[in-house]
Amino acid sequence: MAARGMAMIRVNGDPIEWHEGMTVRDVLVARNYKFPLIIVTVNSHLVRREAYDTTVVPDESSVRVVHLMSGG
């Protein structure tokens, strides 16, 4: 549970501190996600890769980041 007065979101179930205007890209940087093939949802809504820099994540959101595997 978040401390009183501290804004939080959950990323893959783990709480992280939230700030006003936080974008999907900010979340990925905060969690050090650099894998090139990922899928991101915010509150169960798919976010397209080209919208990572402009999609704002609301306080108390649930963000899911899934790494895709590729290869042969």
N, C-alpha and C. Protein backbone atom coordinates (compact mmCIF):
# COMPACT_ATOMS: atom_id res chain seq x y z
N MET A 1 0.84 -1.18 0.00
CA MET A 1 0.00 0.00 0.00
C MET A 1 0.89 1.24 0.00
N ALA A 2 0.51 2.24 -0.77
CA ALA A 2 1.29 3.47 -0.88
C ALA A 2 1.21 4.27 0.40
N ALA A 3 2.31 4.96 0.68
CA ALA A 3 2.33 5.84 1.85
C ALA A 3 1.36 6.99 1.62
N ARG A 4 0.79 7.48 2.72
CA ARG A 4 -0.19 8.57 2.61
C ARG A 4 0.43 9.76 1.90
N GLY A 5 -0.28 10.27 0.88
CA GLY A 5 0.20 11.44 0.16
C GLY A 5 1.14 11.13 -0.99
N MET A 6 1.63 9.89 -1.09
CA MET A 6 2.55 9.54 -2.16
C MET A 6 1.77 8.93 -3.32
N ALA A 7 1.93 9.48 -4.49
CA ALA A 7 1.25 8.96 -5.67
C ALA A 7 2.00 7.74 -6.20
N MET A 8 1.25 6.70 -6.55
CA MET A 8 1.86 5.45 -6.99
C MET A 8 1.10 4.87 -8.17
N ILE A 9 1.84 4.08 -8.96
CA ILE A 9 1.25 3.21 -9.97
C ILE A 9 1.83 1.82 -9.73
N ARG A 10 1.28 0.84 -10.39
CA ARG A 10 1.83 -0.51 -10.32
C ARG A 10 2.29 -0.92 -11.71
N VAL A 11 3.52 -1.43 -11.76
CA VAL A 11 4.09 -1.91 -13.02
C VAL A 11 4.37 -3.40 -12.82
N ASN A 12 3.65 -4.21 -13.58
CA ASN A 12 3.74 -5.67 -13.42
C ASN A 12 3.55 -6.08 -11.96
N GLY A 13 2.65 -5.37 -11.28
CA GLY A 13 2.32 -5.69 -9.90
C GLY A 13 3.16 -5.00 -8.86
N ASP A 14 4.27 -4.39 -9.25
CA ASP A 14 5.17 -3.73 -8.30
C ASP A 14 4.86 -2.23 -8.24
N PRO A 15 4.76 -1.67 -7.04
CA PRO A 15 4.49 -0.23 -6.93
C PRO A 15 5.72 0.60 -7.28
N ILE A 16 5.49 1.69 -8.03
CA ILE A 16 6.55 2.68 -8.26
C ILE A 16 5.94 4.06 -8.08
N GLU A 17 6.78 5.00 -7.71
CA GLU A 17 6.32 6.36 -7.50
C GLU A 17 5.86 6.98 -8.81
N TRP A 18 4.78 7.72 -8.77
CA TRP A 18 4.19 8.36 -9.93
C TRP A 18 4.38 9.86 -9.82
N HIS A 19 4.50 10.54 -10.98
CA HIS A 19 4.55 12.00 -10.99
C HIS A 19 3.62 12.53 -12.08
N GLU A 20 3.14 13.74 -11.89
CA GLU A 20 2.24 14.39 -12.84
C GLU A 20 2.87 14.39 -14.23
N GLY A 21 2.10 14.02 -15.23
CA GLY A 21 2.58 14.01 -16.61
C GLY A 21 3.41 12.80 -16.99
N MET A 22 3.50 11.81 -16.11
CA MET A 22 4.30 10.61 -16.38
C MET A 22 3.76 9.89 -17.62
N THR A 23 4.66 9.57 -18.54
CA THR A 23 4.29 8.88 -19.77
C THR A 23 4.72 7.42 -19.71
N VAL A 24 4.24 6.66 -20.67
CA VAL A 24 4.67 5.26 -20.78
C VAL A 24 6.19 5.20 -20.91
N ARG A 25 6.79 6.09 -21.71
CA ARG A 25 8.24 6.10 -21.86
C ARG A 25 8.92 6.33 -20.52
N ASP A 26 8.38 7.24 -19.69
CA ASP A 26 8.94 7.49 -18.36
C ASP A 26 8.92 6.23 -17.50
N VAL A 27 7.84 5.46 -17.60
CA VAL A 27 7.73 4.21 -16.85
C VAL A 27 8.79 3.23 -17.31
N LEU A 28 8.95 3.10 -18.62
CA LEU A 28 9.95 2.16 -19.16
C LEU A 28 11.35 2.54 -18.72
N VAL A 29 11.66 3.83 -18.72
CA VAL A 29 12.98 4.30 -18.28
C VAL A 29 13.15 4.06 -16.78
N ALA A 30 12.12 4.36 -15.99
CA ALA A 30 12.20 4.17 -14.54
C ALA A 30 12.46 2.72 -14.17
N ARG A 31 11.90 1.80 -14.95
CA ARG A 31 12.08 0.38 -14.67
C ARG A 31 13.23 -0.24 -15.46
N ASN A 32 13.92 0.58 -16.24
CA ASN A 32 15.07 0.14 -17.02
C ASN A 32 14.71 -0.94 -18.04
N TYR A 33 13.51 -0.83 -18.63
CA TYR A 33 13.11 -1.75 -19.69
C TYR A 33 13.68 -1.26 -21.01
N LYS A 34 14.60 -2.05 -21.58
CA LYS A 34 15.25 -1.67 -22.83
C LYS A 34 15.05 -2.69 -23.94
N PHE A 35 14.39 -3.77 -23.62
CA PHE A 35 14.18 -4.83 -24.60
C PHE A 35 13.41 -4.26 -25.79
N PRO A 36 13.84 -4.53 -27.03
CA PRO A 36 13.21 -3.89 -28.19
C PRO A 36 11.79 -4.37 -28.50
N LEU A 37 11.45 -5.59 -28.12
CA LEU A 37 10.12 -6.12 -28.44
C LEU A 37 9.30 -6.26 -27.16
N ILE A 38 8.45 -5.27 -26.89
CA ILE A 38 7.60 -5.31 -25.71
C ILE A 38 6.18 -4.89 -26.07
N ILE A 39 5.26 -5.31 -25.24
CA ILE A 39 3.87 -4.87 -25.32
C ILE A 39 3.57 -4.17 -24.01
N VAL A 40 2.91 -3.01 -24.09
CA VAL A 40 2.56 -2.25 -22.89
C VAL A 40 1.06 -2.01 -22.87
N THR A 41 0.46 -2.26 -21.71
CA THR A 41 -0.93 -1.88 -21.50
C THR A 41 -1.00 -0.99 -20.27
N VAL A 42 -1.92 -0.03 -20.31
CA VAL A 42 -2.20 0.83 -19.17
C VAL A 42 -3.68 0.64 -18.85
N ASN A 43 -3.96 0.13 -17.66
CA ASN A 43 -5.33 -0.17 -17.26
C ASN A 43 -6.04 -1.02 -18.33
N SER A 44 -5.33 -2.03 -18.79
CA SER A 44 -5.82 -3.02 -19.77
C SER A 44 -6.00 -2.47 -21.19
N HIS A 45 -5.54 -1.25 -21.45
CA HIS A 45 -5.62 -0.68 -22.80
C HIS A 45 -4.25 -0.73 -23.45
N LEU A 46 -4.17 -1.36 -24.62
CA LEU A 46 -2.92 -1.47 -25.36
C LEU A 46 -2.42 -0.09 -25.77
N VAL A 47 -1.13 0.15 -25.56
CA VAL A 47 -0.50 1.40 -25.99
C VAL A 47 0.43 1.08 -27.15
N ARG A 48 0.21 1.73 -28.27
CA ARG A 48 1.06 1.51 -29.44
C ARG A 48 2.44 2.11 -29.20
N ARG A 49 3.45 1.46 -29.73
CA ARG A 49 4.84 1.88 -29.54
C ARG A 49 5.06 3.35 -29.89
N GLU A 50 4.44 3.82 -30.97
CA GLU A 50 4.64 5.21 -31.38
C GLU A 50 3.98 6.20 -30.42
N ALA A 51 3.17 5.70 -29.48
CA ALA A 51 2.50 6.57 -28.52
C ALA A 51 3.14 6.54 -27.13
N TYR A 52 4.25 5.82 -26.96
CA TYR A 52 4.90 5.73 -25.64
C TYR A 52 5.28 7.10 -25.09
N ASP A 53 5.74 8.00 -25.96
CA ASP A 53 6.19 9.32 -25.50
C ASP A 53 5.05 10.27 -25.19
N THR A 54 3.85 9.98 -25.68
CA THR A 54 2.74 10.91 -25.51
C THR A 54 1.60 10.37 -24.65
N THR A 55 1.60 9.08 -24.36
CA THR A 55 0.54 8.49 -23.55
C THR A 55 0.84 8.72 -22.07
N VAL A 56 -0.02 9.50 -21.43
CA VAL A 56 0.14 9.81 -20.01
C VAL A 56 -0.46 8.69 -19.17
N VAL A 57 0.26 8.30 -18.13
CA VAL A 57 -0.17 7.25 -17.23
C VAL A 57 -0.80 7.92 -16.00
N PRO A 58 -2.10 7.72 -15.78
CA PRO A 58 -2.74 8.34 -14.62
C PRO A 58 -2.27 7.72 -13.30
N ASP A 59 -2.36 8.51 -12.23
CA ASP A 59 -2.07 8.02 -10.89
C ASP A 59 -2.95 6.80 -10.60
N GLU A 60 -2.39 5.85 -9.86
CA GLU A 60 -3.06 4.62 -9.45
C GLU A 60 -3.34 3.66 -10.61
N SER A 61 -2.65 3.86 -11.73
CA SER A 61 -2.82 2.97 -12.88
C SER A 61 -2.12 1.64 -12.67
N SER A 62 -2.57 0.66 -13.44
CA SER A 62 -1.90 -0.63 -13.53
C SER A 62 -1.27 -0.71 -14.91
N VAL A 63 0.05 -0.80 -14.94
CA VAL A 63 0.79 -0.88 -16.19
C VAL A 63 1.35 -2.29 -16.31
N ARG A 64 1.18 -2.87 -17.46
CA ARG A 64 1.69 -4.22 -17.71
C ARG A 64 2.69 -4.14 -18.86
N VAL A 65 3.88 -4.66 -18.64
CA VAL A 65 4.93 -4.67 -19.66
C VAL A 65 5.30 -6.14 -19.90
N VAL A 66 5.15 -6.57 -21.14
CA VAL A 66 5.44 -7.96 -21.50
C VAL A 66 6.54 -7.98 -22.54
N HIS A 67 7.61 -8.72 -22.28
CA HIS A 67 8.70 -8.89 -23.21
C HIS A 67 8.36 -10.01 -24.18
N LEU A 68 8.47 -9.75 -25.47
CA LEU A 68 8.23 -10.77 -26.48
C LEU A 68 9.55 -11.45 -26.84
N MET A 69 9.48 -12.71 -27.13
CA MET A 69 10.66 -13.45 -27.55
C MET A 69 10.65 -13.58 -29.06
N SER A 70 11.83 -13.51 -29.65
CA SER A 70 11.95 -13.71 -31.09
C SER A 70 13.13 -14.62 -31.35
N GLY A 71 13.17 -15.14 -32.51
CA GLY A 71 14.28 -16.02 -32.86
C GLY A 71 13.81 -17.17 -33.75
N GLY A 72 14.72 -18.06 -34.00
CA GLY A 72 14.38 -19.14 -34.91
C GLY A 72 14.63 -20.48 -34.38
